[in-house]
Amino acid sequence: MPRSVSVPVASSASSLSRTEESVRATDLSGTGIGCGGPLDSASGLLIAPTHLPGWVDIPVTRLAEERFGLPAVLENDGTAGTAGEWRFGAGRSAEYRHLLYLTISTGVGCGLVLDGRTFRGVARRGNGGEPGHVTVRPGGRRCVRCSRVGCLEAHARLRHVHRPARRRRRRTGLPPG
């Protein structure tokens, strides 16, 4: 594992270790990891998450299992958020059979529940329903993540949504925040 990857992994493991002290091992049945893709949920592999430079082909579930001695699963962050909403949040009502969960932060992602089942995409790899790199504006901005022109993330991820507000603040002299 490259040094640039091992340091954050070690730091995260250290933070979790401090949390471990307040939780009895018998209370835990596994470790769930939600991360932006691309990833392979079935094999527990972070393929090359664009928001984590240098994290290429990282066997994150194996690392978590070795560190914590519990089974681990990896899920796309949008799909993980969807599962949480479906089970504990807005989607838990028996009257719903479908749910669309949209997340806009470091990227644009989503998750889907269709007919009461979480949709993970082709071959259940964990990248189903991801709209971030769909072209929405032909000839638009170049995406720093995929290098395509006009994809949704190039125009709608949080950094770009804040950009016009920052320009307006500078132009009008309003203080930040």
Protein backbone atom coordinates (compact mmCIF):
# COMPACT_ATOMS: atom_id res chain seq x y z
CA MET A 1 0.00 0.00 0.00
CA PRO A 2 1.45 3.44 -0.90
CA ARG A 3 2.53 5.58 2.04
CA SER A 4 -0.05 8.24 1.11
CA VAL A 5 -2.75 5.62 1.64
CA SER A 6 -1.35 3.85 4.68
CA VAL A 7 -1.19 7.04 6.78
CA PRO A 8 -4.93 7.91 6.43
CA VAL A 9 -5.89 4.26 6.94
CA ALA A 10 -3.77 4.11 10.09
CA SER A 11 -5.24 7.41 11.29
CA SER A 12 -8.80 6.18 10.71
CA ALA A 13 -8.03 2.91 12.47
CA SER A 14 -6.59 4.87 15.40
CA SER A 15 -9.76 6.98 15.66
CA LEU A 16 -11.88 3.84 15.55
CA SER A 17 -9.70 2.25 18.23
CA ARG A 18 -10.56 5.10 20.59
CA THR A 19 -14.25 4.53 19.82
CA GLU A 20 -13.75 0.79 20.41
CA GLU A 21 -12.85 1.46 24.03
CA SER A 22 -16.41 2.60 24.75
CA VAL A 23 -18.10 -0.27 22.89
CA ARG A 24 -18.04 -3.89 24.00
CA ALA A 25 -16.88 -6.29 21.31
CA THR A 26 -19.95 -8.44 21.99
CA ASP A 27 -22.12 -5.50 20.88
CA LEU A 28 -20.66 -5.57 17.36
CA SER A 29 -21.34 -8.05 14.61
CA GLY A 30 -19.37 -6.43 11.80
CA THR A 31 -17.92 -3.33 10.20
CA GLY A 32 -19.74 -1.38 7.50
CA ILE A 33 -17.75 0.90 5.21
CA GLY A 34 -19.43 3.44 2.93
CA CYS A 35 -17.25 5.17 0.34
CA GLY A 36 -17.58 6.99 -2.96
CA GLY A 37 -16.59 4.97 -5.99
CA PRO A 38 -15.59 3.50 -8.15
CA LEU A 39 -15.46 0.42 -6.00
CA ASP A 40 -16.25 -3.27 -6.07
CA SER A 41 -18.56 -4.13 -3.18
CA ALA A 42 -18.50 -7.85 -3.93
CA SER A 43 -14.72 -8.08 -3.46
CA GLY A 44 -14.40 -5.28 -0.88
CA LEU A 45 -12.05 -3.32 -3.12
CA LEU A 46 -11.73 0.44 -3.48
CA ILE A 47 -10.81 0.62 -7.16
CA ALA A 48 -9.83 4.29 -7.45
CA PRO A 49 -12.11 6.70 -5.57
CA THR A 50 -11.61 10.06 -7.24
CA HIS A 51 -11.79 11.91 -3.92
CA LEU A 52 -8.99 9.76 -2.43
CA PRO A 53 -5.96 10.23 -4.71
CA GLY A 54 -3.53 7.32 -4.50
CA TRP A 55 -6.13 4.89 -3.19
CA VAL A 56 -6.00 2.41 -6.07
CA ASP A 57 -7.07 -1.21 -5.62
CA ILE A 58 -7.18 -1.00 -1.82
CA PRO A 59 -8.66 -4.16 -0.20
CA VAL A 60 -10.46 -2.08 2.43
CA THR A 61 -12.70 -4.83 3.80
CA ARG A 62 -9.74 -7.18 4.29
CA LEU A 63 -7.85 -4.40 6.11
CA ALA A 64 -10.85 -3.71 8.36
CA GLU A 65 -11.37 -7.42 9.09
CA GLU A 66 -7.70 -7.82 10.04
CA ARG A 67 -7.77 -4.71 12.23
CA PHE A 68 -11.05 -5.32 14.04
CA GLY A 69 -11.45 -9.09 13.88
CA LEU A 70 -15.00 -8.77 12.54
CA PRO A 71 -16.57 -9.35 9.14
CA ALA A 72 -16.57 -6.19 7.01
CA VAL A 73 -18.62 -5.04 4.04
CA LEU A 74 -18.04 -2.24 1.56
CA GLU A 75 -20.86 -0.29 -0.02
CA ASN A 76 -21.06 2.76 -2.24
CA ASP A 77 -21.80 5.75 0.03
CA GLY A 78 -25.00 6.65 -1.85
CA THR A 79 -26.25 3.08 -1.56
CA ALA A 80 -25.30 2.93 2.12
CA GLY A 81 -27.19 6.18 2.78
CA THR A 82 -30.18 4.80 0.90
CA ALA A 83 -30.19 1.63 3.00
CA GLY A 84 -30.11 3.74 6.17
CA GLU A 85 -33.04 5.90 5.03
CA TRP A 86 -34.98 2.84 3.92
CA ARG A 87 -34.54 1.07 7.22
CA PHE A 88 -34.47 3.91 9.78
CA GLY A 89 -35.50 7.15 8.06
CA ALA A 90 -37.92 8.62 5.57
CA GLY A 91 -38.33 5.40 3.58
CA ARG A 92 -39.26 3.09 6.42
CA SER A 93 -42.99 3.51 5.92
CA ALA A 94 -44.72 0.36 4.68
CA GLU A 95 -46.54 2.41 2.03
CA TYR A 96 -43.31 2.93 0.02
CA ARG A 97 -41.86 0.34 -2.35
CA HIS A 98 -39.34 2.62 -4.07
CA LEU A 99 -36.85 5.21 -2.82
CA LEU A 100 -34.40 7.55 -4.53
CA TYR A 101 -31.69 8.97 -2.28
CA LEU A 102 -29.57 11.80 -3.67
CA THR A 103 -26.32 13.02 -2.14
CA ILE A 104 -24.38 16.11 -3.21
CA SER A 105 -21.05 16.68 -1.50
CA THR A 106 -17.58 15.86 -2.84
CA GLY A 107 -19.46 14.43 -5.81
CA VAL A 108 -23.00 13.68 -6.91
CA GLY A 109 -24.30 10.26 -6.03
CA CYS A 110 -27.51 8.46 -5.38
CA GLY A 111 -28.93 5.18 -4.28
CA LEU A 112 -32.08 3.35 -5.22
CA VAL A 113 -34.51 0.98 -3.61
CA LEU A 114 -36.72 -0.66 -6.24
CA ASP A 115 -39.61 -2.87 -5.18
CA GLY A 116 -38.20 -2.97 -1.66
CA ARG A 117 -34.73 -4.14 -2.75
CA THR A 118 -31.53 -2.11 -2.81
CA PHE A 119 -30.29 -1.65 -6.38
CA ARG A 120 -26.53 -2.04 -6.71
CA GLY A 121 -26.15 -2.08 -10.48
CA VAL A 122 -24.64 -4.50 -12.94
CA ALA A 123 -23.07 -7.56 -11.30
CA ARG A 124 -23.88 -6.04 -7.88
CA ARG A 125 -20.54 -4.20 -7.85
CA GLY A 126 -21.97 -1.26 -5.89
CA ASN A 127 -22.04 1.53 -8.45
CA GLY A 128 -25.67 1.34 -9.62
CA GLY A 129 -27.71 4.51 -9.96
CA GLU A 130 -24.70 6.83 -9.95
CA PRO A 131 -25.60 9.98 -11.92
CA GLY A 132 -22.44 12.02 -11.30
CA HIS A 133 -20.81 11.49 -14.67
CA VAL A 134 -23.88 11.62 -16.91
CA THR A 135 -23.58 14.46 -19.44
CA VAL A 136 -26.08 17.18 -18.59
CA ARG A 137 -24.51 20.13 -20.38
CA PRO A 138 -22.79 19.36 -23.69
CA GLY A 139 -19.83 21.71 -24.10
CA GLY A 140 -19.94 22.57 -20.38
CA ARG A 141 -17.17 22.47 -17.78
CA ARG A 142 -14.48 19.80 -17.90
CA CYS A 143 -14.81 17.46 -14.93
CA VAL A 144 -11.65 17.29 -12.82
CA ARG A 145 -12.50 13.72 -11.84
CA CYS A 146 -13.36 11.96 -15.10
CA SER A 147 -12.06 14.52 -17.64
CA ARG A 148 -15.35 14.43 -19.53
CA VAL A 149 -17.05 17.68 -20.54
CA GLY A 150 -20.43 18.67 -19.15
CA CYS A 151 -21.06 15.88 -16.66
CA LEU A 152 -23.33 16.52 -13.67
CA GLU A 153 -20.45 16.55 -11.16
CA ALA A 154 -18.65 19.23 -13.15
CA HIS A 155 -21.62 21.52 -12.55
CA ALA A 156 -23.40 20.37 -9.39
CA ARG A 157 -20.96 19.00 -6.83
CA LEU A 158 -20.85 21.14 -3.70
CA ARG A 159 -17.66 22.95 -4.65
CA HIS A 160 -19.25 24.19 -7.88
CA VAL A 161 -22.56 25.05 -6.27
CA HIS A 162 -20.71 27.31 -3.80
CA ARG A 163 -18.60 28.98 -6.51
CA PRO A 164 -21.30 31.50 -7.69
CA ALA A 165 -22.07 32.42 -4.08
CA ARG A 166 -18.37 33.11 -3.38
CA ARG A 167 -18.13 35.29 -6.51
CA ARG A 168 -21.24 37.22 -5.50
CA ARG A 169 -19.86 37.78 -1.99
CA ARG A 170 -16.58 39.12 -3.39
CA ARG A 171 -18.40 41.37 -5.83
CA THR A 172 -20.73 42.84 -3.18
CA GLY A 173 -18.20 42.94 -0.35
CA LEU A 174 -20.26 40.67 1.91
CA PRO A 175 -18.28 38.82 4.58
CA PRO A 176 -17.69 35.06 4.14
CA GLY A 177 -20.01 32.58 5.78
